[in-house]
Amino acid sequence: MHILNFEAFLIAITILTLTPGLDTALVIRNSSRSGFMAGCVTSLGICSGLFVHAMFSALGISAILLQSADLFQLVKWVGAAYLIWLGLGSLRAIYKGSNKVAMLEEDNTTSSAKRSMREGFLSNVLNPKTAIFYLAFLPQFIDLNYSPIVQSFTMAGIHFLIAMIWLCGLAFAINSAKKLFKSSAMMNWMEGVTGTVLILLGAKLLLSDDKL
């Protein structure tokens, strides 16, 4: 598998998948109002959107490589700094006492599979934070001796599997543990762990001696 620092990628993408956000809130809402299957279909829509971001990321990486290898290295540094910024943002949210996962309002309307799929897909594809993250994150692990497109889609596929396991597991747990996942203390604990890991990974990538 031609992915640089694969272990670091696997840890980072797993931690980031567990980080509370809009995707988590959407799965919680649809699972709460329409059950486990609605949550799983929503998760499928969300995870399918990852390949759209991977495609644009790969095209951006390819365009940068046509310009300069040094420019690509600059993009990697910016991406590593972005990871640190995300981590600091998580810790700052705890300090301010804010819970960034605003629970979406529940209703009693039964969502169809088509609606849940559409909601999940569009929420992911149209989320600028996900797009920016993929553009900043994937270049950290691209081996320039192999196709950026193949590697980007491979990483998106790994992210797809991890996210589906997490989100479907979350959907399964919602009906019996709603209070836990709506708890600000639980969300703050997750913020603290994920924020710290992001900062450490970003620092590691900034100090990496990988040559192009």
C-alpha atoms as a PDB file:
ATOM      1  CA  MET A   1       0.000   0.000   0.000  1.00  0.00           C
ATOM      2  CA  HIS A   2       1.700   3.192  -1.208  1.00  0.00           C
ATOM      3  CA  ILE A   3       0.699   5.605   1.558  1.00  0.00           C
ATOM      4  CA  LEU A   4       3.337   7.462   3.540  1.00  0.00           C
ATOM      5  CA  ASN A   5       3.185   7.237   7.337  1.00  0.00           C
ATOM      6  CA  PHE A   6       0.254   4.821   7.079  1.00  0.00           C
ATOM      7  CA  GLU A   7       0.077   4.229  10.829  1.00  0.00           C
ATOM      8  CA  ALA A   8      -0.166   7.985  11.474  1.00  0.00           C
ATOM      9  CA  PHE A   9      -2.860   8.259   8.796  1.00  0.00           C
ATOM     10  CA  LEU A  10      -4.870   5.440  10.362  1.00  0.00           C
ATOM     11  CA  ILE A  11      -4.690   6.973  13.832  1.00  0.00           C
ATOM     12  CA  ALA A  12      -5.519  10.465  12.577  1.00  0.00           C
ATOM     13  CA  ILE A  13      -8.470   9.452  10.420  1.00  0.00           C
ATOM     14  CA  THR A  14      -9.897   7.297  13.215  1.00  0.00           C
ATOM     15  CA  ILE A  15      -9.628  10.083  15.773  1.00  0.00           C
ATOM     16  CA  LEU A  16     -11.104  12.607  13.366  1.00  0.00           C
ATOM     17  CA  THR A  17     -13.987  10.269  12.593  1.00  0.00           C
ATOM     18  CA  LEU A  18     -14.806  10.148  16.304  1.00  0.00           C
ATOM     19  CA  THR A  19     -14.707  13.946  16.606  1.00  0.00           C
ATOM     20  CA  PRO A  20     -18.231  15.339  17.146  1.00  0.00           C
ATOM     21  CA  GLY A  21     -19.563  17.399  14.261  1.00  0.00           C
ATOM     22  CA  LEU A  22     -22.454  17.900  11.867  1.00  0.00           C
ATOM     23  CA  ASP A  23     -22.305  14.292  10.656  1.00  0.00           C
ATOM     24  CA  THR A  24     -22.621  13.022  14.221  1.00  0.00           C
ATOM     25  CA  ALA A  25     -25.548  15.348  14.914  1.00  0.00           C
ATOM     26  CA  LEU A  26     -27.349  14.288  11.742  1.00  0.00           C
ATOM     27  CA  VAL A  27     -27.000  10.573  12.504  1.00  0.00           C
ATOM     28  CA  ILE A  28     -28.181  11.162  16.069  1.00  0.00           C
ATOM     29  CA  ARG A  29     -31.227  13.068  14.854  1.00  0.00           C
ATOM     30  CA  ASN A  30     -32.295  10.588  12.195  1.00  0.00           C
ATOM     31  CA  SER A  31     -31.664   7.618  14.483  1.00  0.00           C
ATOM     32  CA  SER A  32     -33.627   9.247  17.290  1.00  0.00           C
ATOM     33  CA  ARG A  33     -36.662  10.018  15.185  1.00  0.00           C
ATOM     34  CA  SER A  34     -36.704   7.126  12.718  1.00  0.00           C
ATOM     35  CA  GLY A  35     -34.657   4.268  14.139  1.00  0.00           C
ATOM     36  CA  PHE A  36     -31.486   2.301  13.491  1.00  0.00           C
ATOM     37  CA  MET A  37     -31.916   1.785   9.732  1.00  0.00           C
ATOM     38  CA  ALA A  38     -32.479   5.495   9.112  1.00  0.00           C
ATOM     39  CA  GLY A  39     -29.243   6.175  10.961  1.00  0.00           C
ATOM     40  CA  CYS A  40     -27.367   3.614   8.865  1.00  0.00           C
ATOM     41  CA  VAL A  41     -28.714   4.967   5.570  1.00  0.00           C
ATOM     42  CA  THR A  42     -27.799   8.487   6.670  1.00  0.00           C
ATOM     43  CA  SER A  43     -24.302   7.195   7.471  1.00  0.00           C
ATOM     44  CA  LEU A  44     -24.030   5.658   3.999  1.00  0.00           C
ATOM     45  CA  GLY A  45     -24.916   8.996   2.421  1.00  0.00           C
ATOM     46  CA  ILE A  46     -22.378  10.831   4.572  1.00  0.00           C
ATOM     47  CA  CYS A  47     -19.587   8.354   3.836  1.00  0.00           C
ATOM     48  CA  SER A  48     -20.326   8.302   0.087  1.00  0.00           C
ATOM     49  CA  GLY A  49     -19.627  12.035   0.036  1.00  0.00           C
ATOM     50  CA  LEU A  50     -16.045  11.361   1.127  1.00  0.00           C
ATOM     51  CA  PHE A  51     -15.165  10.130  -2.375  1.00  0.00           C
ATOM     52  CA  VAL A  52     -16.262  13.451  -3.856  1.00  0.00           C
ATOM     53  CA  HIS A  53     -13.851  15.276  -1.560  1.00  0.00           C
ATOM     54  CA  ALA A  54     -11.119  12.729  -2.346  1.00  0.00           C
ATOM     55  CA  MET A  55     -11.534  13.362  -6.080  1.00  0.00           C
ATOM     56  CA  PHE A  56     -11.168  17.131  -5.739  1.00  0.00           C
ATOM     57  CA  SER A  57      -8.257  16.701  -3.361  1.00  0.00           C
ATOM     58  CA  ALA A  58      -6.447  14.408  -5.819  1.00  0.00           C
ATOM     59  CA  LEU A  59      -7.031  16.815  -8.707  1.00  0.00           C
ATOM     60  CA  GLY A  60      -5.693  19.666  -6.589  1.00  0.00           C
ATOM     61  CA  ILE A  61      -2.608  17.666  -5.603  1.00  0.00           C
ATOM     62  CA  SER A  62      -1.938  16.729  -9.252  1.00  0.00           C
ATOM     63  CA  ALA A  63      -2.219  20.363 -10.343  1.00  0.00           C
ATOM     64  CA  ILE A  64       0.208  21.467  -7.622  1.00  0.00           C
ATOM     65  CA  LEU A  65       2.728  18.788  -8.609  1.00  0.00           C
ATOM     66  CA  LEU A  66       2.702  20.090 -12.181  1.00  0.00           C
ATOM     67  CA  GLN A  67       3.848  23.453 -10.809  1.00  0.00           C
ATOM     68  CA  SER A  68       6.522  22.566  -8.272  1.00  0.00           C
ATOM     69  CA  ALA A  69       7.615  19.890  -5.816  1.00  0.00           C
ATOM     70  CA  ASP A  70       8.566  22.684  -3.408  1.00  0.00           C
ATOM     71  CA  LEU A  71       5.019  24.037  -3.628  1.00  0.00           C
ATOM     72  CA  PHE A  72       3.730  20.575  -2.712  1.00  0.00           C
ATOM     73  CA  GLN A  73       5.990  20.575   0.353  1.00  0.00           C
ATOM     74  CA  LEU A  74       4.557  23.961   1.319  1.00  0.00           C
ATOM     75  CA  VAL A  75       1.045  22.515   1.046  1.00  0.00           C
ATOM     76  CA  LYS A  76       2.068  19.692   3.386  1.00  0.00           C
ATOM     77  CA  TRP A  77       3.355  22.201   5.961  1.00  0.00           C
ATOM     78  CA  VAL A  78       0.154  24.209   5.724  1.00  0.00           C
ATOM     79  CA  GLY A  79      -1.855  20.999   6.145  1.00  0.00           C
ATOM     80  CA  ALA A  80       0.115  19.987   9.245  1.00  0.00           C
ATOM     81  CA  ALA A  81      -0.433  23.455  10.718  1.00  0.00           C
ATOM     82  CA  TYR A  82      -4.134  23.081   9.956  1.00  0.00           C
ATOM     83  CA  LEU A  83      -4.281  19.879  12.013  1.00  0.00           C
ATOM     84  CA  ILE A  84      -2.743  21.741  14.953  1.00  0.00           C
ATOM     85  CA  TRP A  85      -5.269  24.559  14.476  1.00  0.00           C
ATOM     86  CA  LEU A  86      -8.143  22.054  14.563  1.00  0.00           C
ATOM     87  CA  GLY A  87      -6.758  20.533  17.753  1.00  0.00           C
ATOM     88  CA  LEU A  88      -6.414  23.932  19.411  1.00  0.00           C
ATOM     89  CA  GLY A  89      -9.977  24.722  18.358  1.00  0.00           C
ATOM     90  CA  SER A  90     -11.228  21.619  20.157  1.00  0.00           C
ATOM     91  CA  LEU A  91      -9.388  22.541  23.364  1.00  0.00           C
ATOM     92  CA  ARG A  92     -10.601  26.135  23.072  1.00  0.00           C
ATOM     93  CA  ALA A  93     -14.197  24.919  22.828  1.00  0.00           C
ATOM     94  CA  ILE A  94     -13.800  23.102  26.156  1.00  0.00           C
ATOM     95  CA  TYR A  95     -12.275  26.196  27.791  1.00  0.00           C
ATOM     96  CA  LYS A  96     -15.186  28.343  26.610  1.00  0.00           C
ATOM     97  CA  GLY A  97     -17.644  25.718  27.780  1.00  0.00           C
ATOM     98  CA  SER A  98     -19.254  25.425  24.361  1.00  0.00           C
ATOM     99  CA  ASN A  99     -20.583  22.234  22.861  1.00  0.00           C
ATOM    100  CA  LYS A 100     -19.995  22.443  19.132  1.00  0.00           C
ATOM    101  CA  VAL A 101     -22.402  19.632  18.331  1.00  0.00           C
ATOM    102  CA  ALA A 102     -25.737  21.396  18.308  1.00  0.00           C
ATOM    103  CA  MET A 103     -28.344  18.685  18.406  1.00  0.00           C
ATOM    104  CA  LEU A 104     -30.677  18.982  15.466  1.00  0.00           C
ATOM    105  CA  GLU A 105     -34.312  19.374  16.389  1.00  0.00           C
ATOM    106  CA  GLU A 106     -36.159  16.078  16.459  1.00  0.00           C
ATOM    107  CA  ASP A 107     -39.587  15.529  14.964  1.00  0.00           C
ATOM    108  CA  ASN A 108     -42.004  12.636  14.615  1.00  0.00           C
ATOM    109  CA  THR A 109     -41.836  12.435  10.835  1.00  0.00           C
ATOM    110  CA  THR A 110     -40.694   9.080   9.510  1.00  0.00           C
ATOM    111  CA  SER A 111     -37.775   9.620   7.132  1.00  0.00           C
ATOM    112  CA  SER A 112     -37.649   7.493   4.023  1.00  0.00           C
ATOM    113  CA  ALA A 113     -34.415   5.757   3.057  1.00  0.00           C
ATOM    114  CA  LYS A 114     -34.113   8.090   0.069  1.00  0.00           C
ATOM    115  CA  ARG A 115     -34.470  11.162   2.240  1.00  0.00           C
ATOM    116  CA  SER A 116     -31.952   9.922   4.808  1.00  0.00           C
ATOM    117  CA  MET A 117     -29.453   9.081   2.063  1.00  0.00           C
ATOM    118  CA  ARG A 118     -29.892  12.485   0.444  1.00  0.00           C
ATOM    119  CA  GLU A 119     -29.554  14.348   3.735  1.00  0.00           C
ATOM    120  CA  GLY A 120     -26.362  12.486   4.627  1.00  0.00           C
ATOM    121  CA  PHE A 121     -24.760  12.895   1.200  1.00  0.00           C
ATOM    122  CA  LEU A 122     -25.529  16.591   0.833  1.00  0.00           C
ATOM    123  CA  SER A 123     -24.528  17.438   4.404  1.00  0.00           C
ATOM    124  CA  ASN A 124     -21.087  15.956   3.724  1.00  0.00           C
ATOM    125  CA  VAL A 125     -20.498  17.159   0.158  1.00  0.00           C
ATOM    126  CA  LEU A 126     -21.662  20.703   0.909  1.00  0.00           C
ATOM    127  CA  ASN A 127     -19.704  20.977   4.158  1.00  0.00           C
ATOM    128  CA  PRO A 128     -16.765  23.337   3.445  1.00  0.00           C
ATOM    129  CA  LYS A 129     -14.930  22.119   6.550  1.00  0.00           C
ATOM    130  CA  THR A 130     -14.761  18.590   5.121  1.00  0.00           C
ATOM    131  CA  ALA A 131     -13.549  19.880   1.748  1.00  0.00           C
ATOM    132  CA  ILE A 132     -10.830  22.016   3.339  1.00  0.00           C
ATOM    133  CA  PHE A 133      -9.803  19.184   5.624  1.00  0.00           C
ATOM    134  CA  TYR A 134      -9.356  16.718   2.757  1.00  0.00           C
ATOM    135  CA  LEU A 135      -7.341  19.233   0.733  1.00  0.00           C
ATOM    136  CA  ALA A 136      -5.077  19.842   3.732  1.00  0.00           C
ATOM    137  CA  PHE A 137      -4.944  16.327   5.152  1.00  0.00           C
ATOM    138  CA  LEU A 138      -4.438  13.875   2.278  1.00  0.00           C
ATOM    139  CA  PRO A 139      -1.223  15.456   0.893  1.00  0.00           C
ATOM    140  CA  GLN A 140       0.518  14.539   4.164  1.00  0.00           C
ATOM    141  CA  PHE A 141       0.434  10.869   3.139  1.00  0.00           C
ATOM    142  CA  ILE A 142       0.848  10.957  -0.647  1.00  0.00           C
ATOM    143  CA  ASP A 143       3.816   9.056  -2.075  1.00  0.00           C
ATOM    144  CA  LEU A 144       4.873  11.052  -5.149  1.00  0.00           C
ATOM    145  CA  ASN A 145       6.189   7.920  -6.839  1.00  0.00           C
ATOM    146  CA  TYR A 146       2.628   6.675  -7.300  1.00  0.00           C
ATOM    147  CA  SER A 147      -0.689   8.031  -8.520  1.00  0.00           C
ATOM    148  CA  PRO A 148      -2.162  10.713  -6.187  1.00  0.00           C
ATOM    149  CA  ILE A 149      -5.646   9.804  -7.444  1.00  0.00           C
ATOM    150  CA  VAL A 150      -5.317   6.105  -6.560  1.00  0.00           C
ATOM    151  CA  GLN A 151      -3.844   6.930  -3.161  1.00  0.00           C
ATOM    152  CA  SER A 152      -6.527   9.554  -2.420  1.00  0.00           C
ATOM    153  CA  PHE A 153      -9.331   7.131  -3.229  1.00  0.00           C
ATOM    154  CA  THR A 154      -7.625   4.404  -1.200  1.00  0.00           C
ATOM    155  CA  MET A 155      -7.490   6.692   1.816  1.00  0.00           C
ATOM    156  CA  ALA A 156     -11.101   7.745   1.249  1.00  0.00           C
ATOM    157  CA  GLY A 157     -12.048   4.052   1.137  1.00  0.00           C
ATOM    158  CA  ILE A 158     -10.357   3.428   4.473  1.00  0.00           C
ATOM    159  CA  HIS A 159     -12.094   6.490   5.909  1.00  0.00           C
ATOM    160  CA  PHE A 160     -15.391   5.193   4.494  1.00  0.00           C
ATOM    161  CA  LEU A 161     -15.059   1.870   6.342  1.00  0.00           C
ATOM    162  CA  ILE A 162     -14.039   3.443   9.656  1.00  0.00           C
ATOM    163  CA  ALA A 163     -16.770   6.084   9.481  1.00  0.00           C
ATOM    164  CA  MET A 164     -19.471   3.543   8.577  1.00  0.00           C
ATOM    165  CA  ILE A 165     -18.529   1.347  11.538  1.00  0.00           C
ATOM    166  CA  TRP A 166     -18.540   4.320  13.910  1.00  0.00           C
ATOM    167  CA  LEU A 167     -21.704   6.020  12.654  1.00  0.00           C
ATOM    168  CA  CYS A 168     -23.734   2.805  12.372  1.00  0.00           C
ATOM    169  CA  GLY A 169     -22.567   1.826  15.851  1.00  0.00           C
ATOM    170  CA  LEU A 170     -23.654   5.245  17.030  1.00  0.00           C
ATOM    171  CA  ALA A 171     -27.057   4.789  15.400  1.00  0.00           C
ATOM    172  CA  PHE A 172     -27.438   1.429  17.151  1.00  0.00           C
ATOM    173  CA  ALA A 173     -26.576   2.942  20.524  1.00  0.00           C
ATOM    174  CA  ILE A 174     -28.812   6.005  20.240  1.00  0.00           C
ATOM    175  CA  ASN A 175     -32.118   4.414  21.204  1.00  0.00           C
ATOM    176  CA  SER A 176     -30.718   3.083  24.480  1.00  0.00           C
ATOM    177  CA  ALA A 177     -28.191   5.806  25.302  1.00  0.00           C
ATOM    178  CA  LYS A 178     -29.619   9.119  24.100  1.00  0.00           C
ATOM    179  CA  LYS A 179     -28.665  10.998  27.256  1.00  0.00           C
ATOM    180  CA  LEU A 180     -25.034   9.891  27.038  1.00  0.00           C
ATOM    181  CA  PHE A 181     -24.466  11.273  23.534  1.00  0.00           C
ATOM    182  CA  LYS A 182     -26.306  14.494  24.352  1.00  0.00           C
ATOM    183  CA  SER A 183     -24.206  15.028  27.487  1.00  0.00           C
ATOM    184  CA  SER A 184     -21.940  18.081  27.367  1.00  0.00           C
ATOM    185  CA  ALA A 185     -19.484  16.259  29.655  1.00  0.00           C
ATOM    186  CA  MET A 186     -19.207  13.393  27.138  1.00  0.00           C
ATOM    187  CA  MET A 187     -18.689  15.795  24.242  1.00  0.00           C
ATOM    188  CA  ASN A 188     -16.067  17.791  26.199  1.00  0.00           C
ATOM    189  CA  TRP A 189     -14.147  14.587  26.972  1.00  0.00           C
ATOM    190  CA  MET A 190     -14.154  13.656  23.271  1.00  0.00           C
ATOM    191  CA  GLU A 191     -13.075  17.190  22.341  1.00  0.00           C
ATOM    192  CA  GLY A 192     -10.152  17.035  24.765  1.00  0.00           C
ATOM    193  CA  VAL A 193      -8.857  13.685  23.543  1.00  0.00           C
ATOM    194  CA  THR A 194      -9.239  14.422  19.833  1.00  0.00           C
ATOM    195  CA  GLY A 195      -7.812  17.936  20.183  1.00  0.00           C
ATOM    196  CA  THR A 196      -4.681  16.694  21.928  1.00  0.00           C
ATOM    197  CA  VAL A 197      -4.097  13.939  19.368  1.00  0.00           C
ATOM    198  CA  LEU A 198      -4.536  16.364  16.450  1.00  0.00           C
ATOM    199  CA  ILE A 199      -1.961  18.745  17.888  1.00  0.00           C
ATOM    200  CA  LEU A 200       0.555  15.930  18.419  1.00  0.00           C
ATOM    201  CA  LEU A 201       0.033  14.532  14.908  1.00  0.00           C
ATOM    202  CA  GLY A 202       0.321  17.985  13.341  1.00  0.00           C
ATOM    203  CA  ALA A 203       3.574  18.612  15.221  1.00  0.00           C
ATOM    204  CA  LYS A 204       4.929  15.215  14.122  1.00  0.00           C
ATOM    205  CA  LEU A 205       4.157  15.965  10.478  1.00  0.00           C
ATOM    206  CA  LEU A 206       5.734  19.439  10.693  1.00  0.00           C
ATOM    207  CA  LEU A 207       8.931  17.896  12.087  1.00  0.00           C
ATOM    208  CA  SER A 208       8.936  15.015   9.590  1.00  0.00           C
ATOM    209  CA  ASP A 209      12.071  14.655   7.473  1.00  0.00           C
ATOM    210  CA  ASP A 210      10.262  12.960   4.554  1.00  0.00           C
ATOM    211  CA  LYS A 211      11.809  14.024   1.258  1.00  0.00           C
ATOM    212  CA  LEU A 212       9.906  14.504  -1.977  1.00  0.00           C
END
